[in-house]
Amino acid sequence: MPLATIAYLERRYATLEKEIADALRDCPADDLAVADLEYRKLIIADEIQSYHRLIERYRRRRIH
């Protein structure tokens, strides 16, 4: 389950990166919209890191 969640979050992260690039290409760029996308991207990056830490903790417990 965590690996599927990570894969989903990584796809969402990539989508947000594309949305940010698209928004920055628009003239004039909507700074508030770009900031919102970047904020959501940071939240997803944090969630991905959390899942990776969870998996690593689980693996360590299984080894010991």
N, C-alpha and C. Protein backbone atom coordinates (compact mmCIF):
# COMPACT_ATOMS: atom_id res chain seq x y z
N MET A 1 0.82 -1.20 0.00
CA MET A 1 0.00 0.00 0.00
C MET A 1 0.86 1.27 0.00
N PRO A 2 1.88 1.39 0.87
CA PRO A 2 2.68 2.61 0.84
C PRO A 2 3.37 2.83 -0.51
N LEU A 3 3.81 1.76 -1.17
CA LEU A 3 4.47 1.94 -2.47
C LEU A 3 3.50 2.47 -3.52
N ALA A 4 2.27 2.01 -3.48
CA ALA A 4 1.26 2.53 -4.41
C ALA A 4 0.97 4.00 -4.10
N THR A 5 0.94 4.33 -2.84
CA THR A 5 0.70 5.72 -2.44
C THR A 5 1.85 6.61 -2.89
N ILE A 6 3.07 6.13 -2.72
CA ILE A 6 4.24 6.90 -3.15
C ILE A 6 4.18 7.12 -4.67
N ALA A 7 3.84 6.08 -5.40
CA ALA A 7 3.75 6.21 -6.86
C ALA A 7 2.69 7.25 -7.24
N TYR A 8 1.55 7.21 -6.56
CA TYR A 8 0.51 8.20 -6.83
C TYR A 8 1.01 9.61 -6.52
N LEU A 9 1.65 9.77 -5.37
CA LEU A 9 2.14 11.09 -4.97
C LEU A 9 3.21 11.59 -5.95
N GLU A 10 4.07 10.69 -6.42
CA GLU A 10 5.09 11.10 -7.38
C GLU A 10 4.46 11.55 -8.70
N ARG A 11 3.39 10.88 -9.12
CA ARG A 11 2.69 11.31 -10.34
C ARG A 11 2.06 12.68 -10.12
N ARG A 12 1.46 12.88 -8.95
CA ARG A 12 0.84 14.16 -8.63
C ARG A 12 1.89 15.26 -8.57
N TYR A 13 3.05 14.96 -8.00
CA TYR A 13 4.16 15.90 -7.91
C TYR A 13 4.59 16.34 -9.32
N ALA A 14 4.74 15.37 -10.22
CA ALA A 14 5.14 15.67 -11.60
C ALA A 14 4.09 16.52 -12.29
N THR A 15 2.83 16.23 -12.04
CA THR A 15 1.74 17.01 -12.62
C THR A 15 1.80 18.46 -12.14
N LEU A 16 2.06 18.63 -10.85
CA LEU A 16 2.16 19.99 -10.30
C LEU A 16 3.35 20.73 -10.90
N GLU A 17 4.47 20.04 -11.11
CA GLU A 17 5.63 20.68 -11.73
C GLU A 17 5.26 21.19 -13.13
N LYS A 18 4.52 20.38 -13.87
CA LYS A 18 4.08 20.79 -15.22
C LYS A 18 3.12 21.97 -15.13
N GLU A 19 2.20 21.93 -14.18
CA GLU A 19 1.25 23.04 -14.01
C GLU A 19 1.99 24.33 -13.66
N ILE A 20 3.02 24.23 -12.82
CA ILE A 20 3.80 25.42 -12.45
C ILE A 20 4.52 25.96 -13.68
N ALA A 21 5.15 25.08 -14.46
CA ALA A 21 5.86 25.52 -15.67
C ALA A 21 4.88 26.17 -16.64
N ASP A 22 3.71 25.59 -16.80
CA ASP A 22 2.69 26.17 -17.69
C ASP A 22 2.25 27.54 -17.18
N ALA A 23 2.04 27.65 -15.89
CA ALA A 23 1.59 28.92 -15.31
C ALA A 23 2.65 30.01 -15.47
N LEU A 24 3.92 29.62 -15.36
CA LEU A 24 5.00 30.60 -15.49
C LEU A 24 5.18 31.06 -16.93
N ARG A 25 4.77 30.24 -17.90
CA ARG A 25 4.84 30.61 -19.31
C ARG A 25 3.77 31.62 -19.69
N ASP A 26 2.66 31.62 -18.94
CA ASP A 26 1.58 32.56 -19.23
C ASP A 26 2.03 33.98 -18.91
N CYS A 27 1.60 34.90 -19.74
CA CYS A 27 1.93 36.31 -19.50
C CYS A 27 0.64 37.04 -19.21
N PRO A 28 0.47 37.75 -18.17
CA PRO A 28 1.36 37.72 -17.00
C PRO A 28 1.06 36.51 -16.12
N ALA A 29 2.08 36.03 -15.47
CA ALA A 29 1.91 34.88 -14.58
C ALA A 29 1.10 35.29 -13.35
N ASP A 30 0.21 34.43 -12.94
CA ASP A 30 -0.60 34.68 -11.75
C ASP A 30 0.21 34.21 -10.54
N ASP A 31 0.85 35.17 -9.87
CA ASP A 31 1.76 34.85 -8.77
C ASP A 31 1.08 34.06 -7.66
N LEU A 32 -0.15 34.39 -7.37
CA LEU A 32 -0.87 33.70 -6.30
C LEU A 32 -1.14 32.24 -6.69
N ALA A 33 -1.51 32.01 -7.93
CA ALA A 33 -1.76 30.64 -8.39
C ALA A 33 -0.48 29.84 -8.39
N VAL A 34 0.62 30.43 -8.83
CA VAL A 34 1.91 29.74 -8.84
C VAL A 34 2.34 29.41 -7.41
N ALA A 35 2.17 30.35 -6.50
CA ALA A 35 2.53 30.12 -5.10
C ALA A 35 1.71 28.98 -4.51
N ASP A 36 0.43 28.92 -4.86
CA ASP A 36 -0.43 27.83 -4.38
C ASP A 36 0.04 26.49 -4.91
N LEU A 37 0.37 26.43 -6.19
CA LEU A 37 0.87 25.18 -6.78
C LEU A 37 2.18 24.76 -6.13
N GLU A 38 3.07 25.71 -5.91
CA GLU A 38 4.35 25.39 -5.27
C GLU A 38 4.15 24.90 -3.84
N TYR A 39 3.21 25.50 -3.13
CA TYR A 39 2.91 25.07 -1.77
C TYR A 39 2.39 23.63 -1.76
N ARG A 40 1.47 23.33 -2.69
CA ARG A 40 0.94 21.96 -2.76
C ARG A 40 2.03 20.97 -3.14
N LYS A 41 2.95 21.40 -4.00
CA LYS A 41 4.07 20.54 -4.38
C LYS A 41 4.96 20.23 -3.17
N LEU A 42 5.20 21.23 -2.33
CA LEU A 42 6.00 21.02 -1.12
C LEU A 42 5.31 20.05 -0.15
N ILE A 43 4.00 20.18 -0.03
CA ILE A 43 3.25 19.27 0.84
C ILE A 43 3.38 17.83 0.34
N ILE A 44 3.25 17.65 -0.97
CA ILE A 44 3.36 16.30 -1.53
C ILE A 44 4.77 15.77 -1.35
N ALA A 45 5.79 16.61 -1.54
CA ALA A 45 7.17 16.18 -1.34
C ALA A 45 7.37 15.71 0.10
N ASP A 46 6.78 16.43 1.04
CA ASP A 46 6.88 16.04 2.45
C ASP A 46 6.18 14.70 2.70
N GLU A 47 5.04 14.49 2.08
CA GLU A 47 4.33 13.22 2.23
C GLU A 47 5.15 12.06 1.65
N ILE A 48 5.78 12.29 0.51
CA ILE A 48 6.62 11.25 -0.09
C ILE A 48 7.76 10.90 0.85
N GLN A 49 8.41 11.91 1.42
CA GLN A 49 9.50 11.68 2.38
C GLN A 49 9.01 10.89 3.59
N SER A 50 7.83 11.23 4.07
CA SER A 50 7.27 10.53 5.23
C SER A 50 7.04 9.05 4.94
N TYR A 51 6.51 8.76 3.76
CA TYR A 51 6.29 7.36 3.39
C TYR A 51 7.62 6.62 3.24
N HIS A 52 8.62 7.28 2.68
CA HIS A 52 9.93 6.63 2.55
C HIS A 52 10.52 6.33 3.94
N ARG A 53 10.36 7.26 4.87
CA ARG A 53 10.85 7.02 6.24
C ARG A 53 10.09 5.87 6.89
N LEU A 54 8.79 5.81 6.67
CA LEU A 54 7.98 4.74 7.22
C LEU A 54 8.44 3.38 6.69
N ILE A 55 8.67 3.31 5.40
CA ILE A 55 9.14 2.05 4.80
C ILE A 55 10.50 1.67 5.35
N GLU A 56 11.38 2.64 5.49
CA GLU A 56 12.72 2.35 6.02
C GLU A 56 12.65 1.85 7.46
N ARG A 57 11.81 2.46 8.28
CA ARG A 57 11.64 1.98 9.66
C ARG A 57 11.12 0.56 9.69
N TYR A 58 10.16 0.26 8.84
CA TYR A 58 9.59 -1.09 8.78
C TYR A 58 10.66 -2.10 8.37
N ARG A 59 11.46 -1.73 7.37
CA ARG A 59 12.53 -2.64 6.92
C ARG A 59 13.55 -2.89 8.03
N ARG A 60 13.90 -1.87 8.77
CA ARG A 60 14.87 -2.04 9.88
C ARG A 60 14.32 -2.98 10.94
N ARG A 61 13.06 -2.85 11.25
CA ARG A 61 12.46 -3.73 12.27
C ARG A 61 12.45 -5.19 11.80
N ARG A 62 12.23 -5.41 10.51
CA ARG A 62 12.20 -6.78 10.00
C ARG A 62 13.59 -7.40 10.00
N ILE A 63 14.63 -6.58 9.84
CA ILE A 63 16.00 -7.09 9.83
C ILE A 63 16.42 -7.50 11.24
N HIS A 64 16.04 -6.71 12.22
CA HIS A 64 16.48 -6.99 13.61
C HIS A 64 15.59 -7.99 14.23
